[in-house]
C-alpha atoms as a PDB file:
ATOM      1  CA  UNK A   1     -14.008   1.392   8.747  1.00  0.00           C
ATOM      2  CA  UNK A   2     -14.310   2.575   5.120  1.00  0.00           C
ATOM      3  CA  UNK A   3     -15.124   6.098   6.322  1.00  0.00           C
ATOM      4  CA  UNK A   4     -12.003   6.181   8.476  1.00  0.00           C
ATOM      5  CA  UNK A   5      -9.807   4.933   5.629  1.00  0.00           C
ATOM      6  CA  UNK A   6     -11.210   7.504   3.196  1.00  0.00           C
ATOM      7  CA  UNK A   7     -10.854  10.288   5.786  1.00  0.00           C
ATOM      8  CA  UNK A   8      -7.081   9.733   5.939  1.00  0.00           C
ATOM      9  CA  UNK A   9      -5.446  12.525   3.948  1.00  0.00           C
ATOM     10  CA  UNK A  10      -2.302  10.504   3.149  1.00  0.00           C
ATOM     11  CA  UNK A  11      -2.354   7.901   0.384  1.00  0.00           C
ATOM     12  CA  UNK A  12      -3.128   4.485   1.863  1.00  0.00           C
ATOM     13  CA  UNK A  13      -2.864   1.082   0.201  1.00  0.00           C
ATOM     14  CA  UNK A  14      -3.852  -2.141   1.942  1.00  0.00           C
ATOM     15  CA  UNK A  15      -2.275  -5.193   0.342  1.00  0.00           C
ATOM     16  CA  UNK A  16      -2.340  -8.947   0.671  1.00  0.00           C
ATOM     17  CA  UNK A  17       0.759 -10.770   1.899  1.00  0.00           C
ATOM     18  CA  UNK A  18       1.670 -11.233  -1.789  1.00  0.00           C
ATOM     19  CA  UNK A  19       1.548  -7.504  -2.508  1.00  0.00           C
ATOM     20  CA  UNK A  20      -1.821  -7.396  -4.293  1.00  0.00           C
ATOM     21  CA  UNK A  21      -3.811  -4.224  -3.584  1.00  0.00           C
ATOM     22  CA  UNK A  22      -6.950  -5.023  -1.599  1.00  0.00           C
ATOM     23  CA  UNK A  23      -8.087  -1.527  -0.535  1.00  0.00           C
ATOM     24  CA  UNK A  24      -7.091   2.001  -1.472  1.00  0.00           C
ATOM     25  CA  UNK A  25      -8.295   5.294  -0.040  1.00  0.00           C
ATOM     26  CA  UNK A  26      -9.498   8.389  -1.868  1.00  0.00           C
ATOM     27  CA  UNK A  27      -6.218  10.276  -1.321  1.00  0.00           C
ATOM     28  CA  UNK A  28      -4.263   7.490  -3.064  1.00  0.00           C
ATOM     29  CA  UNK A  29      -6.712   7.459  -5.962  1.00  0.00           C
ATOM     30  CA  UNK A  30      -6.364  11.206  -6.430  1.00  0.00           C
ATOM     31  CA  UNK A  31      -2.574  11.217  -6.028  1.00  0.00           C
ATOM     32  CA  UNK A  32      -1.897   8.399  -8.490  1.00  0.00           C
ATOM     33  CA  UNK A  33      -4.778   9.022 -10.882  1.00  0.00           C
ATOM     34  CA  UNK A  34      -6.366   5.551 -10.704  1.00  0.00           C
ATOM     35  CA  UNK A  35      -9.842   4.579  -9.570  1.00  0.00           C
ATOM     36  CA  UNK A  36     -10.280   1.995  -6.832  1.00  0.00           C
ATOM     37  CA  UNK A  37     -11.623  -0.450  -9.425  1.00  0.00           C
ATOM     38  CA  UNK A  38      -8.444  -0.059 -11.507  1.00  0.00           C
ATOM     39  CA  UNK A  39      -6.196  -0.740  -8.506  1.00  0.00           C
ATOM     40  CA  UNK A  40      -7.941  -3.627  -6.729  1.00  0.00           C
ATOM     41  CA  UNK A  41      -6.060  -6.939  -7.213  1.00  0.00           C
ATOM     42  CA  UNK A  42      -3.202  -5.205  -9.023  1.00  0.00           C
ATOM     43  CA  UNK A  43       0.364  -5.602  -7.717  1.00  0.00           C
ATOM     44  CA  UNK A  44       1.597  -2.771  -5.500  1.00  0.00           C
ATOM     45  CA  UNK A  45       4.550  -2.557  -7.913  1.00  0.00           C
ATOM     46  CA  UNK A  46       2.135  -0.716 -10.223  1.00  0.00           C
ATOM     47  CA  UNK A  47       2.542   2.186  -7.791  1.00  0.00           C
ATOM     48  CA  UNK A  48       5.873   1.477  -6.093  1.00  0.00           C
ATOM     49  CA  UNK A  49       8.577  -0.001  -8.288  1.00  0.00           C
ATOM     50  CA  UNK A  50      10.758  -1.272  -5.461  1.00  0.00           C
ATOM     51  CA  UNK A  51       8.939  -4.608  -5.208  1.00  0.00           C
ATOM     52  CA  UNK A  52      11.820  -6.424  -3.511  1.00  0.00           C
ATOM     53  CA  UNK A  53      11.783  -3.903  -0.653  1.00  0.00           C
ATOM     54  CA  UNK A  54       8.025  -4.223  -0.314  1.00  0.00           C
ATOM     55  CA  UNK A  55       8.091  -8.024  -0.335  1.00  0.00           C
ATOM     56  CA  UNK A  56      10.694  -8.024   2.441  1.00  0.00           C
ATOM     57  CA  UNK A  57       8.672  -5.510   4.485  1.00  0.00           C
ATOM     58  CA  UNK A  58       5.503  -7.573   4.056  1.00  0.00           C
ATOM     59  CA  UNK A  59       7.352 -10.761   5.019  1.00  0.00           C
ATOM     60  CA  UNK A  60       8.794  -9.114   8.129  1.00  0.00           C
ATOM     61  CA  UNK A  61       5.388  -7.723   9.021  1.00  0.00           C
ATOM     62  CA  UNK A  62       3.822 -11.188   8.952  1.00  0.00           C
ATOM     63  CA  UNK A  63       6.722 -12.655  10.924  1.00  0.00           C
ATOM     64  CA  UNK A  64       6.398 -10.040  13.656  1.00  0.00           C
ATOM     65  CA  UNK A  65       2.603 -10.153  13.590  1.00  0.00           C
ATOM     66  CA  UNK A  66       2.791 -13.727  14.861  1.00  0.00           C
ATOM     67  CA  UNK A  67       4.827 -12.594  17.875  1.00  0.00           C
ATOM     68  CA  UNK A  68       3.679  -9.034  18.587  1.00  0.00           C
ATOM     69  CA  UNK A  69       0.140  -7.711  18.893  1.00  0.00           C
ATOM     70  CA  UNK A  70      -1.020  -4.365  17.465  1.00  0.00           C
ATOM     71  CA  UNK A  71       1.692  -4.113  14.811  1.00  0.00           C
ATOM     72  CA  UNK A  72       1.145  -1.893  11.771  1.00  0.00           C
ATOM     73  CA  UNK A  73       3.196  -1.727   8.574  1.00  0.00           C
ATOM     74  CA  UNK A  74       3.846   1.751   7.246  1.00  0.00           C
ATOM     75  CA  UNK A  75       5.996   2.252   4.154  1.00  0.00           C
ATOM     76  CA  UNK A  76       7.261   5.741   3.457  1.00  0.00           C
ATOM     77  CA  UNK A  77       9.255   6.542   0.359  1.00  0.00           C
ATOM     78  CA  UNK A  78       9.681   8.820  -2.568  1.00  0.00           C
ATOM     79  CA  UNK A  79       7.885   8.521  -5.866  1.00  0.00           C
ATOM     80  CA  UNK A  80       9.945   8.115  -9.020  1.00  0.00           C
ATOM     81  CA  UNK A  81       8.209   9.650 -12.011  1.00  0.00           C
ATOM     82  CA  UNK A  82      10.973   8.954 -14.516  1.00  0.00           C
ATOM     83  CA  UNK A  83      10.957  12.327 -16.260  1.00  0.00           C
ATOM     84  CA  UNK A  84      11.833  14.566 -13.319  1.00  0.00           C
END
């Protein structure tokens, strides 16, 4: 499984239902400039500042996961760097 996750060329974060980062792939590490060790157990808001949106998406994911099999949560958005 780890090989598949690291082979994905898009940044990938796997979080707990509370938004804590549990796994991150190599592409995400390179894109955001953090090592896996620096990101594990940190809030996803360290990377994405729209925490309210993420919390709602995670909540909806868990709600639907109870009723639908084979559901995946994919969040796509832009990155705000503040000085651009």
